[in-house]
Structure formats: structure tokens, C-alpha cells
C-alpha atoms as a PDB file:
ATOM      1  CA  MET A   1       0.000   0.000   0.000  1.00  0.00           C
ATOM      2  CA  CYS A   2       2.692   2.502   1.030  1.00  0.00           C
ATOM      3  CA  LEU A   3       4.689   1.907  -2.146  1.00  0.00           C
ATOM      4  CA  CYS A   4       1.648   2.508  -4.340  1.00  0.00           C
ATOM      5  CA  VAL A   5       0.794   5.660  -2.381  1.00  0.00           C
ATOM      6  CA  PHE A   6       4.268   7.150  -2.847  1.00  0.00           C
ATOM      7  CA  VAL A   7       4.385   6.239  -6.547  1.00  0.00           C
ATOM      8  CA  ALA A   8       1.051   7.930  -7.160  1.00  0.00           C
ATOM      9  CA  PHE A   9       1.970  10.902  -4.978  1.00  0.00           C
ATOM     10  CA  PHE A  10       5.311  11.691  -6.595  1.00  0.00           C
ATOM     11  CA  HIS A  11       3.895  11.166 -10.090  1.00  0.00           C
ATOM     12  CA  LYS A  12       1.398  13.940  -9.419  1.00  0.00           C
ATOM     13  CA  LEU A  13       4.052  16.009  -7.652  1.00  0.00           C
ATOM     14  CA  LYS A  14       6.130  16.259 -10.815  1.00  0.00           C
ATOM     15  CA  THR A  15       3.268  17.707 -12.837  1.00  0.00           C
ATOM     16  CA  GLN A  16       1.831  20.231 -10.378  1.00  0.00           C
ATOM     17  CA  LYS A  17       3.024  23.494  -8.800  1.00  0.00           C
ATOM     18  CA  LEU A  18       2.061  23.201  -5.170  1.00  0.00           C
ATOM     19  CA  THR A  19       1.283  25.522  -2.313  1.00  0.00           C
ATOM     20  CA  PRO A  20       1.286  24.087   1.226  1.00  0.00           C
ATOM     21  CA  LYS A  21      -2.500  23.790   1.091  1.00  0.00           C
ATOM     22  CA  GLY A  22      -2.391  22.161  -2.351  1.00  0.00           C
ATOM     23  CA  LEU A  23       0.240  19.693  -1.236  1.00  0.00           C
ATOM     24  CA  HIS A  24      -1.800  18.793   1.816  1.00  0.00           C
ATOM     25  CA  CYS A  25      -4.845  18.022  -0.370  1.00  0.00           C
ATOM     26  CA  LEU A  26      -2.744  16.006  -2.799  1.00  0.00           C
ATOM     27  CA  LEU A  27      -1.352  13.888   0.024  1.00  0.00           C
ATOM     28  CA  GLN A  28      -4.824  13.164   1.337  1.00  0.00           C
ATOM     29  CA  LYS A  29      -6.005  12.148  -2.126  1.00  0.00           C
ATOM     30  CA  SER A  30      -2.945   9.950  -2.556  1.00  0.00           C
ATOM     31  CA  LEU A  31      -3.640   8.148   0.711  1.00  0.00           C
ATOM     32  CA  PHE A  32      -7.243   7.439  -0.269  1.00  0.00           C
ATOM     33  CA  ILE A  33      -6.688   7.012  -3.996  1.00  0.00           C
ATOM     34  CA  GLU A  34      -8.972   5.156  -6.394  1.00  0.00           C
ATOM     35  CA  ASP A  35      -9.465   1.402  -6.184  1.00  0.00           C
ATOM     36  CA  ALA A  36      -7.333   0.857  -9.279  1.00  0.00           C
ATOM     37  CA  VAL A  37      -4.213   2.015  -7.457  1.00  0.00           C
ATOM     38  CA  ILE A  38      -4.322   0.429  -4.031  1.00  0.00           C
ATOM     39  CA  GLY A  39      -7.569  -1.547  -3.930  1.00  0.00           C
ATOM     40  CA  LYS A  40     -10.626  -0.874  -1.853  1.00  0.00           C
ATOM     41  CA  ILE A  41     -10.054   0.921   1.424  1.00  0.00           C
ATOM     42  CA  LYS A  42     -12.705   1.076   4.089  1.00  0.00           C
ATOM     43  CA  ILE A  43     -13.374   4.370   5.808  1.00  0.00           C
ATOM     44  CA  PRO A  44     -10.846   4.375   8.663  1.00  0.00           C
ATOM     45  CA  ASP A  45     -11.874   4.639  12.274  1.00  0.00           C
ATOM     46  CA  ALA A  46     -10.914   7.660  14.418  1.00  0.00           C
ATOM     47  CA  ASP A  47      -7.529   6.247  15.453  1.00  0.00           C
ATOM     48  CA  ILE A  48      -6.408   5.520  11.898  1.00  0.00           C
ATOM     49  CA  GLU A  49      -7.735   8.861  10.702  1.00  0.00           C
ATOM     50  CA  LEU A  50      -5.655  10.671  13.318  1.00  0.00           C
ATOM     51  CA  ARG A  51      -2.528   8.790  12.303  1.00  0.00           C
ATOM     52  CA  MET A  52      -3.163   9.516   8.650  1.00  0.00           C
ATOM     53  CA  SER A  53      -3.622  13.217   9.414  1.00  0.00           C
ATOM     54  CA  LEU A  54      -0.315  13.365  11.283  1.00  0.00           C
ATOM     55  CA  PHE A  55       1.375  11.474   8.456  1.00  0.00           C
ATOM     56  CA  VAL A  56       0.055  13.973   5.899  1.00  0.00           C
ATOM     57  CA  LYS A  57       1.269  16.925   7.972  1.00  0.00           C
ATOM     58  CA  PHE A  58       4.678  15.331   8.402  1.00  0.00           C
ATOM     59  CA  LEU A  59       5.141  14.765   4.663  1.00  0.00           C
ATOM     60  CA  THR A  60       3.977  18.316   3.934  1.00  0.00           C
ATOM     61  CA  PHE A  61       6.480  19.704   6.423  1.00  0.00           C
ATOM     62  CA  LEU A  62       9.271  17.469   5.094  1.00  0.00           C
ATOM     63  CA  TYR A  63       8.639  18.453   1.479  1.00  0.00           C
ATOM     64  CA  PHE A  64       8.780  22.186   2.122  1.00  0.00           C
ATOM     65  CA  CYS A  65      11.854  21.848   4.353  1.00  0.00           C
ATOM     66  CA  ILE A  66      13.655  20.198   1.440  1.00  0.00           C
ATOM     67  CA  ILE A  67      12.470  22.875  -1.016  1.00  0.00           C
ATOM     68  CA  LYS A  68      13.499  25.676   1.365  1.00  0.00           C
ATOM     69  CA  GLN A  69      16.930  24.133   1.856  1.00  0.00           C
ATOM     70  CA  GLN A  70      17.433  23.903  -1.908  1.00  0.00           C
ATOM     71  CA  LYS A  71      16.437  27.560  -2.325  1.00  0.00           C
ATOM     72  CA  LEU A  72      18.777  28.665   0.474  1.00  0.00           C
ATOM     73  CA  LYS A  73      21.626  26.739  -1.119  1.00  0.00           C
ATOM     74  CA  LEU A  74      20.927  28.354  -4.493  1.00  0.00           C
ATOM     75  CA  VAL A  75      20.693  31.845  -2.976  1.00  0.00           C
ATOM     76  CA  GLY A  76      23.830  31.267  -0.912  1.00  0.00           C
ATOM     77  CA  GLU A  77      25.808  30.405  -4.013  1.00  0.00           C
ATOM     78  CA  LYS A  78      24.674  33.538  -5.842  1.00  0.00           C
ATOM     79  CA  GLN A  79      24.583  36.087  -3.042  1.00  0.00           C
ATOM     80  CA  PRO A  80      27.634  38.237  -2.294  1.00  0.00           C
ATOM     81  CA  TYR A  81      29.864  37.350   0.632  1.00  0.00           C
ATOM     82  CA  ILE A  82      29.922  40.197   3.164  1.00  0.00           C
ATOM     83  CA  ILE A  83      33.024  41.079   5.163  1.00  0.00           C
ATOM     84  CA  GLY A  84      32.585  43.586   7.986  1.00  0.00           C
ATOM     85  CA  ILE A  85      35.511  45.708   9.185  1.00  0.00           C
ATOM     86  CA  THR A  86      35.234  47.750  12.355  1.00  0.00           C
ATOM     87  CA  GLY A  87      37.496  49.254  15.025  1.00  0.00           C
ATOM     88  CA  GLY A  88      37.978  52.464  16.927  1.00  0.00           C
ATOM     89  CA  SER A  89      38.385  55.852  15.281  1.00  0.00           C
ATOM     90  CA  GLY A  90      41.995  56.198  14.134  1.00  0.00           C
ATOM     91  CA  SER A  91      42.690  52.459  14.383  1.00  0.00           C
ATOM     92  CA  GLY A  92      43.569  52.224  10.692  1.00  0.00           C
ATOM     93  CA  LYS A  93      40.405  50.721   9.197  1.00  0.00           C
ATOM     94  CA  THR A  94      40.507  52.957   6.129  1.00  0.00           C
ATOM     95  CA  THR A  95      44.212  52.309   5.496  1.00  0.00           C
ATOM     96  CA  PHE A  96      43.771  48.551   5.836  1.00  0.00           C
ATOM     97  CA  LEU A  97      40.772  48.668   3.532  1.00  0.00           C
ATOM     98  CA  HIS A  98      42.628  50.756   0.941  1.00  0.00           C
ATOM     99  CA  LEU A  99      45.571  48.337   0.854  1.00  0.00           C
ATOM    100  CA  LEU A 100      43.207  45.374   0.642  1.00  0.00           C
ATOM    101  CA  THR A 101      41.024  46.681  -2.171  1.00  0.00           C
ATOM    102  CA  GLU A 102      44.069  47.622  -4.259  1.00  0.00           C
ATOM    103  CA  LEU A 103      44.559  43.883  -4.752  1.00  0.00           C
ATOM    104  CA  PHE A 104      41.155  43.386  -6.392  1.00  0.00           C
ATOM    105  CA  SER A 105      39.080  44.892  -9.181  1.00  0.00           C
ATOM    106  CA  LYS A 106      35.772  46.695  -8.609  1.00  0.00           C
ATOM    107  CA  GLU A 107      34.051  43.785 -10.329  1.00  0.00           C
ATOM    108  CA  GLU A 108      35.397  41.462  -7.627  1.00  0.00           C
ATOM    109  CA  VAL A 109      35.044  43.564  -4.475  1.00  0.00           C
ATOM    110  CA  CYS A 110      32.645  46.388  -3.613  1.00  0.00           C
ATOM    111  CA  VAL A 111      33.267  48.649  -0.599  1.00  0.00           C
ATOM    112  CA  VAL A 112      30.398  50.182   1.357  1.00  0.00           C
ATOM    113  CA  SER A 113      31.256  52.727   4.050  1.00  0.00           C
ATOM    114  CA  GLN A 114      29.030  53.444   7.008  1.00  0.00           C
ATOM    115  CA  ASP A 115      30.266  57.053   6.816  1.00  0.00           C
ATOM    116  CA  ASP A 116      28.117  57.693   3.749  1.00  0.00           C
ATOM    117  CA  TYR A 117      25.007  57.116   5.874  1.00  0.00           C
ATOM    118  CA  TYR A 118      25.439  59.922   8.389  1.00  0.00           C
ATOM    119  CA  PHE A 119      22.339  61.954   9.093  1.00  0.00           C
ATOM    120  CA  PRO A 120      22.697  65.692   8.259  1.00  0.00           C
ATOM    121  CA  ARG A 121      24.481  67.883  10.812  1.00  0.00           C
ATOM    122  CA  GLU A 122      21.250  69.513  11.967  1.00  0.00           C
ATOM    123  CA  ALA A 123      19.832  66.079  12.875  1.00  0.00           C
ATOM    124  CA  GLN A 124      22.762  65.139  15.135  1.00  0.00           C
ATOM    125  CA  LYS A 125      22.469  65.178  18.922  1.00  0.00           C
ATOM    126  CA  ALA A 126      24.372  67.841  20.860  1.00  0.00           C
ATOM    127  CA  ASP A 127      26.217  67.324  24.152  1.00  0.00           C
ATOM    128  CA  GLU A 128      25.846  69.488  27.266  1.00  0.00           C
ATOM    129  CA  LYS A 129      28.050  72.175  25.662  1.00  0.00           C
ATOM    130  CA  GLY A 130      25.952  72.241  22.523  1.00  0.00           C
ATOM    131  CA  ILE A 131      28.575  70.487  20.386  1.00  0.00           C
ATOM    132  CA  LYS A 132      27.221  67.997  17.863  1.00  0.00           C
ATOM    133  CA  ASN A 133      28.144  64.393  18.615  1.00  0.00           C
ATOM    134  CA  PHE A 134      28.812  62.364  15.467  1.00  0.00           C
ATOM    135  CA  ASP A 135      30.147  59.377  17.451  1.00  0.00           C
ATOM    136  CA  LEU A 136      26.861  57.761  18.409  1.00  0.00           C
ATOM    137  CA  PRO A 137      25.043  54.866  16.706  1.00  0.00           C
ATOM    138  CA  THR A 138      22.038  57.181  16.330  1.00  0.00           C
ATOM    139  CA  SER A 139      24.105  59.519  14.136  1.00  0.00           C
ATOM    140  CA  ILE A 140      23.932  56.928  11.339  1.00  0.00           C
ATOM    141  CA  ASP A 141      20.927  56.138   9.148  1.00  0.00           C
ATOM    142  CA  SER A 142      21.226  52.431   9.889  1.00  0.00           C
ATOM    143  CA  VAL A 143      17.814  51.677   8.363  1.00  0.00           C
ATOM    144  CA  SER A 144      18.898  52.950   4.944  1.00  0.00           C
ATOM    145  CA  LEU A 145      22.207  51.114   5.263  1.00  0.00           C
ATOM    146  CA  GLN A 146      20.417  47.869   6.029  1.00  0.00           C
ATOM    147  CA  GLU A 147      17.988  48.378   3.149  1.00  0.00           C
ATOM    148  CA  ASP A 148      20.809  49.105   0.703  1.00  0.00           C
ATOM    149  CA  LEU A 149      22.707  46.003   1.802  1.00  0.00           C
ATOM    150  CA  SER A 150      19.592  43.936   1.224  1.00  0.00           C
ATOM    151  CA  LYS A 151      19.262  45.384  -2.274  1.00  0.00           C
ATOM    152  CA  MET A 152      22.880  44.559  -3.054  1.00  0.00           C
ATOM    153  CA  LEU A 153      22.396  41.012  -1.814  1.00  0.00           C
ATOM    154  CA  GLU A 154      19.597  40.753  -4.367  1.00  0.00           C
ATOM    155  CA  GLY A 155      21.902  42.010  -7.119  1.00  0.00           C
ATOM    156  CA  GLU A 156      20.744  45.647  -7.255  1.00  0.00           C
ATOM    157  CA  ALA A 157      23.089  48.633  -7.570  1.00  0.00           C
ATOM    158  CA  VAL A 158      22.708  51.431  -5.000  1.00  0.00           C
ATOM    159  CA  THR A 159      23.334  55.140  -5.578  1.00  0.00           C
ATOM    160  CA  ARG A 160      24.044  57.587  -2.770  1.00  0.00           C
ATOM    161  CA  GLU A 161      25.564  61.028  -2.201  1.00  0.00           C
ATOM    162  CA  GLU A 162      29.016  60.961  -0.647  1.00  0.00           C
ATOM    163  CA  TYR A 163      29.274  62.267   2.912  1.00  0.00           C
ATOM    164  CA  THR A 164      31.938  64.992   3.206  1.00  0.00           C
ATOM    165  CA  PHE A 165      32.018  65.357   7.024  1.00  0.00           C
ATOM    166  CA  ASN A 166      30.691  68.921   6.793  1.00  0.00           C
ATOM    167  CA  ASN A 167      33.829  70.021   4.971  1.00  0.00           C
ATOM    168  CA  LYS A 168      32.708  73.065   2.985  1.00  0.00           C
ATOM    169  CA  LEU A 169      35.880  72.869   0.892  1.00  0.00           C
ATOM    170  CA  LYS A 170      34.894  69.471  -0.505  1.00  0.00           C
ATOM    171  CA  GLU A 171      32.191  68.955  -3.122  1.00  0.00           C
ATOM    172  CA  PRO A 172      30.195  65.744  -2.513  1.00  0.00           C
ATOM    173  CA  LYS A 173      30.114  63.178  -5.305  1.00  0.00           C
ATOM    174  CA  ILE A 174      27.388  60.769  -6.300  1.00  0.00           C
ATOM    175  CA  ILE A 175      28.681  57.274  -5.596  1.00  0.00           C
ATOM    176  CA  THR A 176      27.326  53.967  -6.844  1.00  0.00           C
ATOM    177  CA  PHE A 177      27.662  50.682  -4.996  1.00  0.00           C
ATOM    178  CA  ASN A 178      27.620  47.941  -7.601  1.00  0.00           C
ATOM    179  CA  PRO A 179      27.027  44.451  -6.215  1.00  0.00           C
ATOM    180  CA  ALA A 180      30.091  42.234  -6.467  1.00  0.00           C
ATOM    181  CA  PRO A 181      30.900  38.677  -5.340  1.00  0.00           C
ATOM    182  CA  VAL A 182      32.474  40.158  -2.192  1.00  0.00           C
ATOM    183  CA  ILE A 183      31.119  43.206  -0.359  1.00  0.00           C
ATOM    184  CA  ILE A 184      33.250  44.862   2.313  1.00  0.00           C
ATOM    185  CA  LEU A 185      31.279  46.896   4.818  1.00  0.00           C
ATOM    186  CA  GLU A 186      33.347  49.307   6.907  1.00  0.00           C
ATOM    187  CA  GLY A 187      32.293  51.423   9.849  1.00  0.00           C
ATOM    188  CA  LEU A 188      32.334  52.126  13.568  1.00  0.00           C
ATOM    189  CA  PHE A 189      28.969  50.660  14.511  1.00  0.00           C
ATOM    190  CA  ILE A 190      28.319  47.916  11.946  1.00  0.00           C
ATOM    191  CA  PHE A 191      28.524  45.209  14.638  1.00  0.00           C
ATOM    192  CA  HIS A 192      26.314  47.209  17.001  1.00  0.00           C
ATOM    193  CA  TYR A 193      23.357  47.228  14.595  1.00  0.00           C
ATOM    194  CA  LYS A 194      21.869  43.762  15.075  1.00  0.00           C
ATOM    195  CA  GLU A 195      20.104  43.551  11.701  1.00  0.00           C
ATOM    196  CA  ILE A 196      23.269  44.562   9.868  1.00  0.00           C
ATOM    197  CA  LYS A 197      25.573  42.329  11.920  1.00  0.00           C
ATOM    198  CA  GLU A 198      23.428  39.334  11.000  1.00  0.00           C
ATOM    199  CA  LYS A 199      24.162  39.945   7.322  1.00  0.00           C
ATOM    200  CA  ILE A 200      27.944  39.875   7.844  1.00  0.00           C
ATOM    201  CA  ASP A 201      29.694  36.591   7.043  1.00  0.00           C
ATOM    202  CA  LEU A 202      33.213  37.457   8.262  1.00  0.00           C
ATOM    203  CA  LYS A 203      33.940  39.967  11.047  1.00  0.00           C
ATOM    204  CA  LEU A 204      37.260  41.847  11.271  1.00  0.00           C
ATOM    205  CA  PHE A 205      38.290  44.146  14.118  1.00  0.00           C
ATOM    206  CA  VAL A 206      41.169  46.567  13.509  1.00  0.00           C
ATOM    207  CA  ASP A 207      42.789  47.424  16.838  1.00  0.00           C
ATOM    208  CA  ALA A 208      45.418  49.957  17.934  1.00  0.00           C
ATOM    209  CA  LYS A 209      46.729  51.578  21.109  1.00  0.00           C
ATOM    210  CA  ASP A 210      45.095  54.834  22.170  1.00  0.00           C
ATOM    211  CA  THR A 211      48.262  56.868  21.569  1.00  0.00           C
ATOM    212  CA  TYR A 212      48.344  55.830  17.907  1.00  0.00           C
ATOM    213  CA  LYS A 213      44.625  56.383  17.457  1.00  0.00           C
ATOM    214  CA  VAL A 214      44.587  59.936  18.787  1.00  0.00           C
ATOM    215  CA  VAL A 215      47.593  60.978  16.651  1.00  0.00           C
ATOM    216  CA  ARG A 216      45.933  59.549  13.529  1.00  0.00           C
ATOM    217  CA  ARG A 217      42.623  61.193  14.412  1.00  0.00           C
ATOM    218  CA  ILE A 218      44.283  64.615  14.757  1.00  0.00           C
ATOM    219  CA  ALA A 219      46.137  64.251  11.459  1.00  0.00           C
ATOM    220  CA  ARG A 220      43.027  63.120   9.620  1.00  0.00           C
ATOM    221  CA  ASP A 221      40.556  65.651  11.003  1.00  0.00           C
ATOM    222  CA  ARG A 222      42.937  68.579  10.654  1.00  0.00           C
ATOM    223  CA  VAL A 223      44.026  67.825   7.090  1.00  0.00           C
ATOM    224  CA  GLU A 224      41.150  65.907   5.466  1.00  0.00           C
ATOM    225  CA  ARG A 225      38.164  67.393   7.268  1.00  0.00           C
ATOM    226  CA  ASN A 226      39.417  70.906   8.086  1.00  0.00           C
ATOM    227  CA  TYR A 227      38.539  70.689  11.812  1.00  0.00           C
ATOM    228  CA  PRO A 228      40.273  73.026  14.343  1.00  0.00           C
ATOM    229  CA  LEU A 229      42.721  71.271  16.686  1.00  0.00           C
ATOM    230  CA  ASP A 230      40.846  72.233  19.860  1.00  0.00           C
ATOM    231  CA  ASP A 231      37.671  70.802  18.364  1.00  0.00           C
ATOM    232  CA  VAL A 232      39.429  67.533  17.435  1.00  0.00           C
ATOM    233  CA  LEU A 233      40.837  67.041  20.941  1.00  0.00           C
ATOM    234  CA  TYR A 234      37.539  67.882  22.653  1.00  0.00           C
ATOM    235  CA  ARG A 235      35.591  65.452  20.478  1.00  0.00           C
ATOM    236  CA  TYR A 236      38.141  62.693  20.986  1.00  0.00           C
ATOM    237  CA  GLN A 237      37.983  62.931  24.769  1.00  0.00           C
ATOM    238  CA  ASN A 238      34.249  63.512  25.157  1.00  0.00           C
ATOM    239  CA  HIS A 239      32.718  61.745  22.167  1.00  0.00           C
ATOM    240  CA  VAL A 240      35.130  59.288  20.540  1.00  0.00           C
ATOM    241  CA  MET A 241      36.494  57.418  23.561  1.00  0.00           C
ATOM    242  CA  PRO A 242      33.159  56.985  25.410  1.00  0.00           C
ATOM    243  CA  ALA A 243      31.559  55.692  22.194  1.00  0.00           C
ATOM    244  CA  PHE A 244      34.443  53.283  21.572  1.00  0.00           C
ATOM    245  CA  GLU A 245      34.209  51.783  25.044  1.00  0.00           C
ATOM    246  CA  ARG A 246      30.439  51.431  24.911  1.00  0.00           C
ATOM    247  CA  PHE A 247      29.514  50.649  21.301  1.00  0.00           C
ATOM    248  CA  ILE A 248      32.644  49.237  19.609  1.00  0.00           C
ATOM    249  CA  LEU A 249      35.053  47.528  22.011  1.00  0.00           C
ATOM    250  CA  PRO A 250      32.438  45.063  23.387  1.00  0.00           C
ATOM    251  CA  TYR A 251      32.249  43.433  19.937  1.00  0.00           C
ATOM    252  CA  LYS A 252      35.971  42.760  19.700  1.00  0.00           C
ATOM    253  CA  ASP A 253      35.544  39.287  21.152  1.00  0.00           C
ATOM    254  CA  GLU A 254      32.968  38.466  18.476  1.00  0.00           C
ATOM    255  CA  ALA A 255      35.401  39.198  15.644  1.00  0.00           C
ATOM    256  CA  ASP A 256      36.700  36.307  13.531  1.00  0.00           C
ATOM    257  CA  LEU A 257      40.014  38.108  13.124  1.00  0.00           C
ATOM    258  CA  VAL A 258      41.642  40.934  15.117  1.00  0.00           C
ATOM    259  CA  VAL A 259      44.112  43.015  13.091  1.00  0.00           C
ATOM    260  CA  ASN A 260      46.663  44.883  15.223  1.00  0.00           C
ATOM    261  CA  ASN A 261      47.970  48.196  13.912  1.00  0.00           C
ATOM    262  CA  ASN A 262      50.489  49.590  16.387  1.00  0.00           C
ATOM    263  CA  GLY A 263      53.014  51.307  14.179  1.00  0.00           C
ATOM    264  CA  THR A 264      54.523  48.251  12.511  1.00  0.00           C
ATOM    265  CA  GLY A 265      51.992  47.771   9.736  1.00  0.00           C
ATOM    266  CA  PHE A 266      49.375  45.096   9.444  1.00  0.00           C
ATOM    267  CA  GLY A 267      51.775  42.154   9.378  1.00  0.00           C
ATOM    268  CA  GLN A 268      50.409  38.981   7.843  1.00  0.00           C
ATOM    269  CA  ALA A 269      46.783  39.992   8.394  1.00  0.00           C
ATOM    270  CA  LEU A 270      46.518  41.698   5.015  1.00  0.00           C
ATOM    271  CA  ASP A 271      47.844  38.612   3.209  1.00  0.00           C
ATOM    272  CA  VAL A 272      45.521  36.327   5.170  1.00  0.00           C
ATOM    273  CA  VAL A 273      42.390  38.330   4.366  1.00  0.00           C
ATOM    274  CA  ALA A 274      43.398  38.807   0.716  1.00  0.00           C
ATOM    275  CA  GLY A 275      44.026  35.073   0.361  1.00  0.00           C
ATOM    276  CA  PHE A 276      40.662  34.305   1.902  1.00  0.00           C
ATOM    277  CA  ILE A 277      38.885  36.634  -0.545  1.00  0.00           C
ATOM    278  CA  ARG A 278      40.696  35.019  -3.471  1.00  0.00           C
ATOM    279  CA  SER A 279      39.543  31.597  -2.303  1.00  0.00           C
ATOM    280  CA  LYS A 280      35.930  32.849  -2.141  1.00  0.00           C
ATOM    281  CA  LEU A 281      36.169  34.302  -5.654  1.00  0.00           C
ATOM    282  CA  LEU A 282      37.678  31.073  -6.989  1.00  0.00           C
ATOM    283  CA  THR A 283      34.978  28.953  -5.367  1.00  0.00           C
ATOM    284  CA  ARG A 284      32.314  31.164  -6.904  1.00  0.00           C
ATOM    285  CA  GLU A 285      33.850  30.828 -10.374  1.00  0.00           C
ATOM    286  CA  ARG A 286      33.865  27.057 -10.125  1.00  0.00           C
ATOM    287  CA  SER A 287      30.292  26.777  -8.887  1.00  0.00           C
END
């Protein structure tokens, strides 16, 4: 009986597109199929009917678990691989990222920076002295960042205006994030945002001693962003360090790789990450 039921069931399965409800009905019909298939079946009593109902539900569940797994496997093979790079301000994230992306083409690796998702200056919170604090998770439009990542995972390109850190001497450009086999997401709070962290496949934490970080922060903000020195030092002490200790450092232990940057370069870390990306690209080509 069971053999005949499965033969009849899978024969119909091949020729029909099924919803869960449709599959459930098909299973019931297969179990009580015409006399020509399995012979005459008497109407079952309550005990047999209950067992049959559970059996139908089990097969329905099993079928859709298999289909879902196949879809996830297919999507996983086609979706980009996301690498997240975080670390404190001045730790060397941007330098590490620049050296890494020089080794790959734009068709292979796409870089998305959290910095391009800052809310406008007027929307930023001010501290007790009235100075805008850009070093809080709420200073970033994390919803738009999450939505854009989702679009890229589906193969869509994303266009956005470059953030210039309120530097009036710099004209913002329109940037386009084209989906690539590997997407590198860089930013201070990318591990803090739960929905975004869940999309990251490999987590990197760039670390450095405070003395190196403050020197780099001063050099960057004075030269690249045209900030006064007093302003840079005030923000570092009152905004940067508290944010690092509360929103960034706690995620260091969750990182798959910690990259130290204490004045001697990145050591073998750059080669390790580059080699890993190459292996991902090669695996994708072969699949």
C-alpha cells in the first residue's frame, strides 16, 4: 500500500506546482486514492484517521523543508559574501581597507562605508556644551544602510551622495555601490546594529593603542576634514572614547580576526584576508 501511495503521490508532484495547502490536499487524495491504485479501502476509524492526518502533515512539512533548503543553497551560491571591518576611530580601518582593495578589481570587491550614511548635521544630537556628537550609533541612518545592503544582496546597484564630514571645501560626489561577489562593509557601529551584523559573514576588528589612534585622528581631522585642533581634541575625549568603550570595544571578542595596527603595519593579516577573498572568488567561479 505505502509503495503505491508514494508512486502515485510523486507522479502527481512532478506535474503540479504546489502551495502548502495544495500539497496537503494532494497527500490526502494519494492516501485514499482510487481502487485501481491500491484496492478498496474502508473508511478508517478515528484512530487511523488521526494517524493519517499526522502522516500527511509530516510529509507536507518534510517536502517544504527540502524545497526551502534547496532555495537557500541556491541563494547562498549567488549572493555576495559580506566582510565587515570595524574598530575604533583612528585604528587604521581605512588604510587597511585601501591596501586590501588595491589587490582586487571593482568587479570582484565592492566597498560600502558606514560614513556615507550619516544623518545631516542639523539632525545630530548635541552634548551638554551644545557640540554635535557624530560618534553615536544614532548619528547613522542604519535603516537605509540595512535596506541598501539587502538590495545589493539581491543584485541591485545602490546610488548615494558621498558624505563629506561637513567640509565646505569638498564637493560631494554621487557614488554607486555595484554588487560584487564580495562586499566589504566598513564602519564604527556595523557590529552594534543587530540587523546589519546578522548579514555579515566574516567579522574583522582593527585594533590599535590609544596613543596611535589619537595621533591619527588629529592628522586626519585637521588635514582631510578641516577641523580646528581644539575641536578635534575635545571630540576625541568627550565623544570618541566613550563611544568606543560602549559601542565598539564590546564586539571585539565576536570578531573572527583581530588586526593589530600599532606602528609596525598590518603584518600577515593583510595577506591572510586577501588570500581568503581570493579563495571565495575562486569557489564562486567554479560553482
